[in-house]
């Protein structure tokens, strides 16, 4: 089977020198067009270049970063809520212990214990926004 170059030479009645010139010109045009395509010079025709534009990359990175940040903020909020709940339970136990002491103490020592109980109540209010409901002394014994 004859090669395409010999068919071109016979069909167009070209000499070997003219064939080499045509092939060289075709090669130069092909390489030049590929460089222009890589530089994005054909985008006005709707043929985008092979590389990502800087604006496209920034938008994708910002979206990915904001998704990660919002996920981390959700985890932090959940952890803070659990920590607040744990601290409120701990303060509630302290208040209950202090009330038990108040119920069993004598008159002069009750004043010091009541001050400590009020301080604990203030901390509990700071954590939960509500006062700890104090049970009567009969339930604490």
C-alpha atoms as a PDB file:
ATOM      1  CA  UNK A   1       0.000   0.000   0.000  1.00  0.00           C
ATOM      2  CA  UNK A   2       1.459   3.372  -0.952  1.00  0.00           C
ATOM      3  CA  UNK A   3       2.103   5.918   1.757  1.00  0.00           C
ATOM      4  CA  UNK A   4       0.078   9.179   1.906  1.00  0.00           C
ATOM      5  CA  UNK A   5       3.067  11.354   0.905  1.00  0.00           C
ATOM      6  CA  UNK A   6       3.626   9.467  -2.352  1.00  0.00           C
ATOM      7  CA  UNK A   7      -0.106   9.661  -3.109  1.00  0.00           C
ATOM      8  CA  UNK A   8       0.019  13.439  -2.503  1.00  0.00           C
ATOM      9  CA  UNK A   9       3.020  13.790  -4.806  1.00  0.00           C
ATOM     10  CA  UNK A  10       1.380  11.778  -7.605  1.00  0.00           C
ATOM     11  CA  UNK A  11      -2.092  13.296  -7.212  1.00  0.00           C
ATOM     12  CA  UNK A  12      -0.981  16.924  -7.177  1.00  0.00           C
ATOM     13  CA  UNK A  13       2.036  16.397  -9.402  1.00  0.00           C
ATOM     14  CA  UNK A  14       4.474  17.747  -6.755  1.00  0.00           C
ATOM     15  CA  UNK A  15       8.191  17.355  -6.565  1.00  0.00           C
ATOM     16  CA  UNK A  16       9.905  16.056  -3.417  1.00  0.00           C
ATOM     17  CA  UNK A  17      11.066  19.575  -2.568  1.00  0.00           C
ATOM     18  CA  UNK A  18       7.523  20.967  -2.783  1.00  0.00           C
ATOM     19  CA  UNK A  19       6.176  18.099  -0.672  1.00  0.00           C
ATOM     20  CA  UNK A  20       8.744  18.800   2.056  1.00  0.00           C
ATOM     21  CA  UNK A  21       7.765  22.488   1.985  1.00  0.00           C
ATOM     22  CA  UNK A  22       4.062  21.664   2.378  1.00  0.00           C
ATOM     23  CA  UNK A  23       4.763  19.229   5.229  1.00  0.00           C
ATOM     24  CA  UNK A  24       7.033  21.757   6.950  1.00  0.00           C
ATOM     25  CA  UNK A  25       4.383  24.504   6.610  1.00  0.00           C
ATOM     26  CA  UNK A  26       1.701  22.138   7.943  1.00  0.00           C
ATOM     27  CA  UNK A  27       3.938  21.273  10.920  1.00  0.00           C
ATOM     28  CA  UNK A  28       4.635  24.948  11.714  1.00  0.00           C
ATOM     29  CA  UNK A  29       0.914  25.804  11.554  1.00  0.00           C
ATOM     30  CA  UNK A  30       0.034  22.813  13.756  1.00  0.00           C
ATOM     31  CA  UNK A  31       2.626  23.668  16.428  1.00  0.00           C
ATOM     32  CA  UNK A  32       1.740  27.378  16.334  1.00  0.00           C
ATOM     33  CA  UNK A  33      -1.987  26.637  16.706  1.00  0.00           C
ATOM     34  CA  UNK A  34      -1.320  24.284  19.632  1.00  0.00           C
ATOM     35  CA  UNK A  35       0.681  27.011  21.425  1.00  0.00           C
ATOM     36  CA  UNK A  36      -2.061  29.546  20.761  1.00  0.00           C
ATOM     37  CA  UNK A  37      -4.669  27.077  22.068  1.00  0.00           C
ATOM     38  CA  UNK A  38      -2.629  26.514  25.265  1.00  0.00           C
ATOM     39  CA  UNK A  39      -2.443  30.273  25.777  1.00  0.00           C
ATOM     40  CA  UNK A  40      -6.217  30.532  25.408  1.00  0.00           C
ATOM     41  CA  UNK A  41      -6.170  32.599  22.226  1.00  0.00           C
ATOM     42  CA  UNK A  42      -9.088  30.645  20.720  1.00  0.00           C
ATOM     43  CA  UNK A  43     -11.466  31.323  23.611  1.00  0.00           C
ATOM     44  CA  UNK A  44     -13.223  34.010  21.560  1.00  0.00           C
ATOM     45  CA  UNK A  45     -14.334  31.157  19.266  1.00  0.00           C
ATOM     46  CA  UNK A  46     -15.642  29.107  22.175  1.00  0.00           C
ATOM     47  CA  UNK A  47     -12.595  26.828  22.416  1.00  0.00           C
ATOM     48  CA  UNK A  48     -11.298  27.167  25.980  1.00  0.00           C
ATOM     49  CA  UNK A  49      -7.659  26.631  26.809  1.00  0.00           C
ATOM     50  CA  UNK A  50      -6.526  23.524  28.701  1.00  0.00           C
ATOM     51  CA  UNK A  51      -5.628  25.403  31.889  1.00  0.00           C
ATOM     52  CA  UNK A  52      -7.848  26.663  34.714  1.00  0.00           C
ATOM     53  CA  UNK A  53      -8.399  30.399  34.928  1.00  0.00           C
ATOM     54  CA  UNK A  54      -7.292  32.000  38.220  1.00  0.00           C
ATOM     55  CA  UNK A  55     -10.806  33.271  38.985  1.00  0.00           C
ATOM     56  CA  UNK A  56     -12.309  29.798  38.614  1.00  0.00           C
ATOM     57  CA  UNK A  57      -9.774  28.302  40.980  1.00  0.00           C
ATOM     58  CA  UNK A  58     -10.254  31.010  43.629  1.00  0.00           C
ATOM     59  CA  UNK A  59     -14.013  30.464  43.673  1.00  0.00           C
ATOM     60  CA  UNK A  60     -13.668  26.710  44.072  1.00  0.00           C
ATOM     61  CA  UNK A  61     -11.103  27.088  46.858  1.00  0.00           C
ATOM     62  CA  UNK A  62     -13.264  29.618  48.695  1.00  0.00           C
ATOM     63  CA  UNK A  63     -16.298  27.324  48.495  1.00  0.00           C
ATOM     64  CA  UNK A  64     -14.318  24.361  49.787  1.00  0.00           C
ATOM     65  CA  UNK A  65     -12.780  26.412  52.583  1.00  0.00           C
ATOM     66  CA  UNK A  66     -16.124  27.891  53.667  1.00  0.00           C
ATOM     67  CA  UNK A  67     -17.678  24.403  53.768  1.00  0.00           C
ATOM     68  CA  UNK A  68     -14.843  23.147  55.958  1.00  0.00           C
ATOM     69  CA  UNK A  69     -15.063  26.163  58.243  1.00  0.00           C
ATOM     70  CA  UNK A  70     -18.831  25.844  58.670  1.00  0.00           C
ATOM     71  CA  UNK A  71     -18.448  22.135  59.463  1.00  0.00           C
ATOM     72  CA  UNK A  72     -15.807  22.938  62.092  1.00  0.00           C
ATOM     73  CA  UNK A  73     -17.960  25.714  63.567  1.00  0.00           C
ATOM     74  CA  UNK A  74     -20.829  23.235  63.902  1.00  0.00           C
ATOM     75  CA  UNK A  75     -18.571  20.803  65.746  1.00  0.00           C
ATOM     76  CA  UNK A  76     -17.300  23.568  68.041  1.00  0.00           C
ATOM     77  CA  UNK A  77     -20.855  24.725  68.790  1.00  0.00           C
ATOM     78  CA  UNK A  78     -21.861  21.158  69.633  1.00  0.00           C
ATOM     79  CA  UNK A  79     -18.842  20.708  71.858  1.00  0.00           C
ATOM     80  CA  UNK A  80     -19.490  24.026  73.608  1.00  0.00           C
ATOM     81  CA  UNK A  81     -23.090  23.014  74.224  1.00  0.00           C
ATOM     82  CA  UNK A  82     -22.039  19.689  75.703  1.00  0.00           C
ATOM     83  CA  UNK A  83     -19.405  21.405  77.846  1.00  0.00           C
ATOM     84  CA  UNK A  84     -21.952  23.930  79.121  1.00  0.00           C
ATOM     85  CA  UNK A  85     -24.376  21.136  79.957  1.00  0.00           C
ATOM     86  CA  UNK A  86     -21.678  19.186  81.800  1.00  0.00           C
ATOM     87  CA  UNK A  87     -20.609  22.271  83.761  1.00  0.00           C
ATOM     88  CA  UNK A  88     -24.246  23.061  84.621  1.00  0.00           C
ATOM     89  CA  UNK A  89     -24.752  19.523  85.938  1.00  0.00           C
ATOM     90  CA  UNK A  90     -21.596  19.844  88.006  1.00  0.00           C
ATOM     91  CA  UNK A  91     -22.743  23.189  89.457  1.00  0.00           C
ATOM     92  CA  UNK A  92     -26.142  21.637  90.196  1.00  0.00           C
ATOM     93  CA  UNK A  93     -24.471  18.887  92.196  1.00  0.00           C
ATOM     94  CA  UNK A  94     -22.396  21.462  94.077  1.00  0.00           C
ATOM     95  CA  UNK A  95     -25.519  23.489  94.890  1.00  0.00           C
ATOM     96  CA  UNK A  96     -27.296  20.334  96.099  1.00  0.00           C
ATOM     97  CA  UNK A  97     -24.314  19.458  98.326  1.00  0.00           C
ATOM     98  CA  UNK A  98     -24.239  22.996  99.710  1.00  0.00           C
ATOM     99  CA  UNK A  99     -27.988  22.855 100.426  1.00  0.00           C
ATOM    100  CA  UNK A 100     -27.484  19.571 102.260  1.00  0.00           C
ATOM    101  CA  UNK A 101     -24.826  21.299 104.408  1.00  0.00           C
ATOM    102  CA  UNK A 102     -27.141  24.272 105.058  1.00  0.00           C
ATOM    103  CA  UNK A 103     -29.944  21.993 106.175  1.00  0.00           C
ATOM    104  CA  UNK A 104     -27.746  20.184 108.703  1.00  0.00           C
ATOM    105  CA  UNK A 105     -25.777  23.155 110.121  1.00  0.00           C
ATOM    106  CA  UNK A 106     -26.379  25.388 113.071  1.00  0.00           C
ATOM    107  CA  UNK A 107     -27.353  29.037 112.851  1.00  0.00           C
ATOM    108  CA  UNK A 108     -23.889  30.705 112.748  1.00  0.00           C
ATOM    109  CA  UNK A 109     -22.412  28.308 110.163  1.00  0.00           C
ATOM    110  CA  UNK A 110     -25.498  28.577 107.938  1.00  0.00           C
ATOM    111  CA  UNK A 111     -24.586  32.148 106.992  1.00  0.00           C
ATOM    112  CA  UNK A 112     -21.255  31.079 105.403  1.00  0.00           C
ATOM    113  CA  UNK A 113     -22.861  28.103 103.657  1.00  0.00           C
ATOM    114  CA  UNK A 114     -25.687  30.284 102.291  1.00  0.00           C
ATOM    115  CA  UNK A 115     -23.161  32.710 100.797  1.00  0.00           C
ATOM    116  CA  UNK A 116     -21.383  29.821  99.074  1.00  0.00           C
ATOM    117  CA  UNK A 117     -24.740  28.494  97.820  1.00  0.00           C
ATOM    118  CA  UNK A 118     -25.608  31.889  96.324  1.00  0.00           C
ATOM    119  CA  UNK A 119     -22.229  32.095  94.605  1.00  0.00           C
ATOM    120  CA  UNK A 120     -22.832  28.667  93.068  1.00  0.00           C
ATOM    121  CA  UNK A 121     -26.332  29.729  91.996  1.00  0.00           C
ATOM    122  CA  UNK A 122     -24.873  32.771  90.241  1.00  0.00           C
ATOM    123  CA  UNK A 123     -22.422  30.563  88.346  1.00  0.00           C
ATOM    124  CA  UNK A 124     -25.267  28.193  87.410  1.00  0.00           C
ATOM    125  CA  UNK A 125     -27.332  31.110  86.114  1.00  0.00           C
ATOM    126  CA  UNK A 126     -24.331  32.245  84.076  1.00  0.00           C
ATOM    127  CA  UNK A 127     -24.111  28.801  82.451  1.00  0.00           C
ATOM    128  CA  UNK A 128     -27.793  28.045  81.863  1.00  0.00           C
ATOM    129  CA  UNK A 129     -29.661  31.335  82.212  1.00  0.00           C
ATOM    130  CA  UNK A 130     -31.935  29.735  84.855  1.00  0.00           C
ATOM    131  CA  UNK A 131     -31.746  29.316  88.600  1.00  0.00           C
ATOM    132  CA  UNK A 132     -31.258  25.828  89.998  1.00  0.00           C
ATOM    133  CA  UNK A 133     -34.503  24.696  91.615  1.00  0.00           C
ATOM    134  CA  UNK A 134     -33.687  24.049  95.237  1.00  0.00           C
ATOM    135  CA  UNK A 135     -35.432  21.038  96.738  1.00  0.00           C
ATOM    136  CA  UNK A 136     -36.642  21.213 100.367  1.00  0.00           C
ATOM    137  CA  UNK A 137     -34.384  19.918 103.124  1.00  0.00           C
ATOM    138  CA  UNK A 138     -36.531  16.821 103.632  1.00  0.00           C
ATOM    139  CA  UNK A 139     -35.615  15.558 100.154  1.00  0.00           C
ATOM    140  CA  UNK A 140     -31.885  16.142 100.686  1.00  0.00           C
ATOM    141  CA  UNK A 141     -31.526  13.935 103.759  1.00  0.00           C
END
